């Protein structure tokens, strides 16, 4: 039963981000053996799930303290961006949920944003679009790039025209994080002629089909087993490798998560 619970829980929560699942899981790993001596197994699991997984919907920041395997990934994307050369480049980053798309995009954004006249990391496009609509995201993007808070956008059609009108002569870096439909691409991400010479547009998504009009496409690989174990250990135990008594269980968790 314990093994089945691990498998189902990890697979369920992987869609919310591997880092989040592992970060919440450290309490479970450390306390399971203590609790099991005083309660039956089902009761222990119910308690842990209730206490530690109830906030699983929150998004983990891309600037997590412990980053594993990020440098090699960012290097691949940065070479595609051709920063410093002319033209407008659209680069797409895609992969399954929790594989590290946002982390890679954020790291690149932090590395190169000072080379542009304006920059914006527009996070959680899928979620924010559902909550507030495309018009809200257009206004957010305009406000951050132009540093103007009093902008008014009457409709998302007008918003698209405003984006093109304001950015077509400006060298900008924009990350559209977690795009999931063509409507967002058409009225938010836009086309090459929306942006000034030297601009770079990065889109992250789980659906590679949405990136057909991008100039370059980077598929984020899953971490190798050793990397996944290291990532789990950092979030569960705050160290590079698990203690000996937790090593076998940690490997099992990583195997189920993959």
Protein backbone atom coordinates (compact mmCIF):
# COMPACT_ATOMS: atom_id res chain seq x y z
CA UNK A 1 0.00 0.00 0.00
CA UNK A 2 2.82 2.39 0.89
CA UNK A 3 4.52 1.84 -2.47
CA UNK A 4 1.26 2.37 -4.34
CA UNK A 5 0.63 5.63 -2.46
CA UNK A 6 4.09 6.91 -3.38
CA UNK A 7 3.52 6.11 -7.05
CA UNK A 8 0.07 7.69 -7.31
CA UNK A 9 0.99 10.79 -5.30
CA UNK A 10 4.17 11.59 -7.16
CA UNK A 11 2.57 11.08 -10.57
CA UNK A 12 -0.37 13.28 -9.55
CA UNK A 13 1.81 16.10 -8.29
CA UNK A 14 4.43 16.01 -11.03
CA UNK A 15 2.16 18.16 -13.21
CA UNK A 16 2.49 20.93 -10.62
CA UNK A 17 6.28 20.91 -10.90
CA UNK A 18 8.86 18.39 -9.70
CA UNK A 19 10.53 20.93 -7.42
CA UNK A 20 7.25 21.62 -5.64
CA UNK A 21 6.46 17.96 -5.11
CA UNK A 22 9.92 17.29 -3.74
CA UNK A 23 9.95 20.37 -1.55
CA UNK A 24 6.69 19.34 0.09
CA UNK A 25 7.80 15.72 0.29
CA UNK A 26 10.72 16.24 2.69
CA UNK A 27 8.38 16.34 5.68
CA UNK A 28 6.82 13.08 4.60
CA UNK A 29 10.12 11.24 4.14
CA UNK A 30 11.59 12.31 7.45
CA UNK A 31 8.50 11.80 9.60
CA UNK A 32 6.99 8.68 8.09
CA UNK A 33 9.07 6.26 10.12
CA UNK A 34 8.40 8.15 13.35
CA UNK A 35 4.65 8.26 12.87
CA UNK A 36 4.28 4.68 11.71
CA UNK A 37 5.23 3.37 15.14
CA UNK A 38 2.30 5.18 16.73
CA UNK A 39 -0.45 4.96 14.10
CA UNK A 40 -1.56 2.61 11.41
CA UNK A 41 -0.18 3.23 7.94
CA UNK A 42 -3.33 4.63 6.36
CA UNK A 43 -3.83 7.13 9.18
CA UNK A 44 -0.23 8.33 8.91
CA UNK A 45 -0.52 8.86 5.19
CA UNK A 46 -3.84 10.70 5.52
CA UNK A 47 -2.32 13.04 8.07
CA UNK A 48 0.74 13.82 5.98
CA UNK A 49 -1.24 14.37 2.79
CA UNK A 50 -3.67 16.67 4.58
CA UNK A 51 -0.98 18.75 6.27
CA UNK A 52 1.66 19.01 3.57
CA UNK A 53 -0.04 18.64 0.18
CA UNK A 54 -3.06 20.89 0.72
CA UNK A 55 -1.23 23.89 -0.81
CA UNK A 56 0.22 22.01 -3.77
CA UNK A 57 -1.42 24.38 -6.27
CA UNK A 58 1.04 27.17 -5.46
CA UNK A 59 3.69 27.79 -8.10
CA UNK A 60 7.35 27.35 -7.28
CA UNK A 61 9.58 30.27 -8.17
CA UNK A 62 12.01 29.66 -11.00
CA UNK A 63 14.74 31.14 -8.83
CA UNK A 64 14.85 28.14 -6.53
CA UNK A 65 17.94 27.99 -4.34
CA UNK A 66 18.93 24.54 -5.57
CA UNK A 67 19.35 24.25 -9.31
CA UNK A 68 20.55 21.02 -10.90
CA UNK A 69 21.48 20.61 -14.56
CA UNK A 70 20.47 24.17 -15.47
CA UNK A 71 23.72 25.46 -16.95
CA UNK A 72 23.87 22.92 -19.78
CA UNK A 73 20.26 23.65 -20.69
CA UNK A 74 20.57 27.42 -20.63
CA UNK A 75 23.67 27.21 -22.79
CA UNK A 76 21.74 25.40 -25.50
CA UNK A 77 18.96 27.97 -25.56
CA UNK A 78 21.26 31.00 -25.39
CA UNK A 79 23.11 29.81 -28.49
CA UNK A 80 19.78 29.71 -30.33
CA UNK A 81 18.95 33.27 -29.28
CA UNK A 82 22.01 34.77 -31.01
CA UNK A 83 21.98 37.72 -28.63
CA UNK A 84 23.93 40.63 -30.06
CA UNK A 85 23.03 39.95 -33.67
CA UNK A 86 20.34 41.74 -35.63
CA UNK A 87 16.88 40.56 -36.52
CA UNK A 88 14.04 39.35 -34.33
CA UNK A 89 14.23 35.80 -33.03
CA UNK A 90 11.47 33.69 -31.53
CA UNK A 91 12.72 30.71 -29.50
CA UNK A 92 10.38 28.11 -28.04
CA UNK A 93 11.13 25.96 -25.01
CA UNK A 94 8.92 22.92 -24.59
CA UNK A 95 8.65 19.80 -22.43
CA UNK A 96 6.43 17.98 -19.98
CA UNK A 97 5.16 19.64 -16.82
CA UNK A 98 7.80 19.89 -14.11
CA UNK A 99 10.77 19.26 -16.40
CA UNK A 100 12.25 22.72 -15.82
CA UNK A 101 11.09 24.94 -18.69
CA UNK A 102 10.36 27.93 -16.49
CA UNK A 103 13.60 27.53 -14.56
CA UNK A 104 15.62 27.55 -17.78
CA UNK A 105 13.74 30.55 -19.16
CA UNK A 106 14.11 32.52 -15.94
CA UNK A 107 17.83 31.81 -15.74
CA UNK A 108 18.33 33.01 -19.32
CA UNK A 109 16.19 36.08 -18.68
CA UNK A 110 18.30 36.99 -15.65
CA UNK A 111 21.50 36.46 -17.64
CA UNK A 112 20.71 38.64 -20.66
CA UNK A 113 17.90 41.09 -19.80
CA UNK A 114 20.33 43.97 -19.23
CA UNK A 115 21.22 43.91 -22.95
CA UNK A 116 17.78 45.15 -24.03
CA UNK A 117 15.89 48.44 -23.95
CA UNK A 118 13.03 46.75 -22.17
CA UNK A 119 12.35 43.32 -20.72
CA UNK A 120 9.51 41.36 -19.16
CA UNK A 121 9.10 37.84 -17.79
CA UNK A 122 5.37 37.20 -18.13
CA UNK A 123 4.82 34.23 -15.82
CA UNK A 124 1.97 31.71 -15.74
CA UNK A 125 0.31 32.83 -18.98
CA UNK A 126 -2.01 29.80 -19.04
CA UNK A 127 -3.28 30.37 -15.51
CA UNK A 128 -3.41 34.17 -15.67
CA UNK A 129 -5.21 34.09 -19.01
CA UNK A 130 -7.94 31.90 -17.55
CA UNK A 131 -8.29 34.07 -14.46
CA UNK A 132 -8.05 37.55 -15.94
CA UNK A 133 -8.09 37.28 -19.73
CA UNK A 134 -5.70 38.23 -22.52
CA UNK A 135 -6.40 41.95 -22.13
CA UNK A 136 -5.04 41.89 -18.58
CA UNK A 137 -1.83 40.21 -19.74
CA UNK A 138 -1.44 42.72 -22.58
CA UNK A 139 -1.76 45.59 -20.13
CA UNK A 140 0.74 43.97 -17.76
CA UNK A 141 3.24 43.54 -20.58
CA UNK A 142 2.85 47.11 -21.80
CA UNK A 143 3.15 48.53 -18.29
CA UNK A 144 6.34 46.63 -17.50
CA UNK A 145 8.12 47.37 -20.76
CA UNK A 146 7.09 51.03 -20.94
CA UNK A 147 7.12 51.60 -17.18
CA UNK A 148 3.67 53.15 -17.34
CA UNK A 149 0.96 52.19 -14.86
CA UNK A 150 -1.93 54.26 -16.20
CA UNK A 151 -2.34 52.46 -19.52
CA UNK A 152 -5.85 51.54 -20.61
CA UNK A 153 -6.67 48.66 -22.96
CA UNK A 154 -10.26 48.62 -24.23
CA UNK A 155 -10.17 45.14 -25.79
CA UNK A 156 -7.67 42.43 -26.61
CA UNK A 157 -7.90 43.47 -30.28
CA UNK A 158 -6.82 46.98 -29.34
CA UNK A 159 -4.23 45.50 -27.00
CA UNK A 160 -2.60 43.60 -29.86
CA UNK A 161 -2.40 46.81 -31.91
CA UNK A 162 -0.89 48.64 -28.93
CA UNK A 163 1.77 45.98 -28.44
CA UNK A 164 2.85 46.25 -32.07
CA UNK A 165 2.71 50.05 -32.06
CA UNK A 166 4.72 50.46 -28.86
CA UNK A 167 7.30 47.72 -29.40
CA UNK A 168 8.00 47.80 -33.16
CA UNK A 169 10.91 50.25 -32.74
CA UNK A 170 12.10 48.94 -29.39
CA UNK A 171 14.67 46.21 -28.70
CA UNK A 172 12.96 44.01 -26.12
CA UNK A 173 13.37 40.69 -24.37
CA UNK A 174 10.09 39.01 -23.44
CA UNK A 175 9.45 35.59 -21.93
CA UNK A 176 5.93 34.22 -22.26
CA UNK A 177 5.86 31.44 -19.69
CA UNK A 178 3.46 28.48 -19.99
CA UNK A 179 1.51 29.35 -23.13
CA UNK A 180 -1.19 26.80 -23.96
CA UNK A 181 -3.37 28.00 -26.84
CA UNK A 182 -3.29 29.79 -30.19
CA UNK A 183 -5.34 32.70 -28.89
CA UNK A 184 -2.46 33.66 -26.60
CA UNK A 185 -0.02 33.35 -29.49
CA UNK A 186 -2.11 35.53 -31.80
CA UNK A 187 -2.95 38.37 -29.44
CA UNK A 188 -0.11 38.32 -26.92
CA UNK A 189 3.05 36.68 -28.26
CA UNK A 190 2.50 38.21 -31.68
CA UNK A 191 4.65 38.15 -34.81
CA UNK A 192 8.15 39.21 -35.76
CA UNK A 193 7.07 42.61 -37.09
CA UNK A 194 5.66 43.54 -33.68
CA UNK A 195 9.14 44.01 -32.26
CA UNK A 196 12.20 46.15 -32.94
CA UNK A 197 15.49 44.95 -34.39
CA UNK A 198 17.49 42.83 -31.97
CA UNK A 199 14.45 41.71 -29.96
CA UNK A 200 14.27 38.20 -28.56
CA UNK A 201 11.03 36.43 -27.70
CA UNK A 202 11.01 33.23 -25.63
CA UNK A 203 7.92 31.06 -25.23
CA UNK A 204 7.62 28.08 -22.88
CA UNK A 205 4.90 25.48 -23.37
CA UNK A 206 4.00 21.83 -22.96
CA UNK A 207 2.69 21.71 -26.53
CA UNK A 208 5.36 21.83 -29.24
CA UNK A 209 2.69 22.26 -31.95
CA UNK A 210 2.14 25.82 -30.73
CA UNK A 211 5.72 26.73 -31.62
CA UNK A 212 5.62 26.02 -35.34
CA UNK A 213 6.19 29.69 -36.24
CA UNK A 214 9.17 30.07 -33.89
CA UNK A 215 12.66 30.27 -35.36
CA UNK A 216 14.21 27.76 -32.96
CA UNK A 217 12.79 25.05 -30.73
CA UNK A 218 14.46 23.60 -27.64
CA UNK A 219 13.15 20.41 -26.06
CA UNK A 220 14.07 20.33 -22.37
CA UNK A 221 15.46 16.88 -21.54
CA UNK A 222 14.57 15.12 -18.33
CA UNK A 223 17.28 15.01 -15.69
CA UNK A 224 19.47 11.94 -15.67
CA UNK A 225 18.81 9.66 -12.72
CA UNK A 226 21.73 11.02 -10.71
CA UNK A 227 20.56 14.58 -11.32
CA UNK A 228 16.99 13.79 -10.30
CA UNK A 229 18.25 12.15 -7.11
CA UNK A 230 20.41 15.18 -6.32
CA UNK A 231 17.49 17.54 -6.90
CA UNK A 232 15.26 15.45 -4.65
CA UNK A 233 17.93 15.36 -1.95
CA UNK A 234 18.41 19.13 -1.96
CA UNK A 235 14.69 19.74 -1.50
CA UNK A 236 14.02 16.89 0.91
CA UNK A 237 17.16 16.99 3.06
CA UNK A 238 18.93 20.26 2.14
CA UNK A 239 22.03 18.35 1.05
CA UNK A 240 23.48 16.92 -2.18
CA UNK A 241 22.87 13.25 -1.34
CA UNK A 242 20.40 11.57 1.05
CA UNK A 243 21.57 9.97 4.26
CA UNK A 244 22.16 6.25 3.97
CA UNK A 245 18.95 5.30 5.77
CA UNK A 246 16.87 7.30 3.27
CA UNK A 247 18.82 6.47 0.10
CA UNK A 248 16.71 3.50 -1.00
CA UNK A 249 13.42 5.32 -0.41
CA UNK A 250 14.73 8.42 -2.18
CA UNK A 251 15.70 6.39 -5.24
CA UNK A 252 12.23 4.85 -5.30
CA UNK A 253 10.60 8.28 -5.19
CA UNK A 254 12.77 9.50 -8.07
CA UNK A 255 11.97 6.39 -10.13
CA UNK A 256 8.23 6.88 -9.62
CA UNK A 257 8.46 10.58 -10.45
CA UNK A 258 10.18 9.84 -13.77
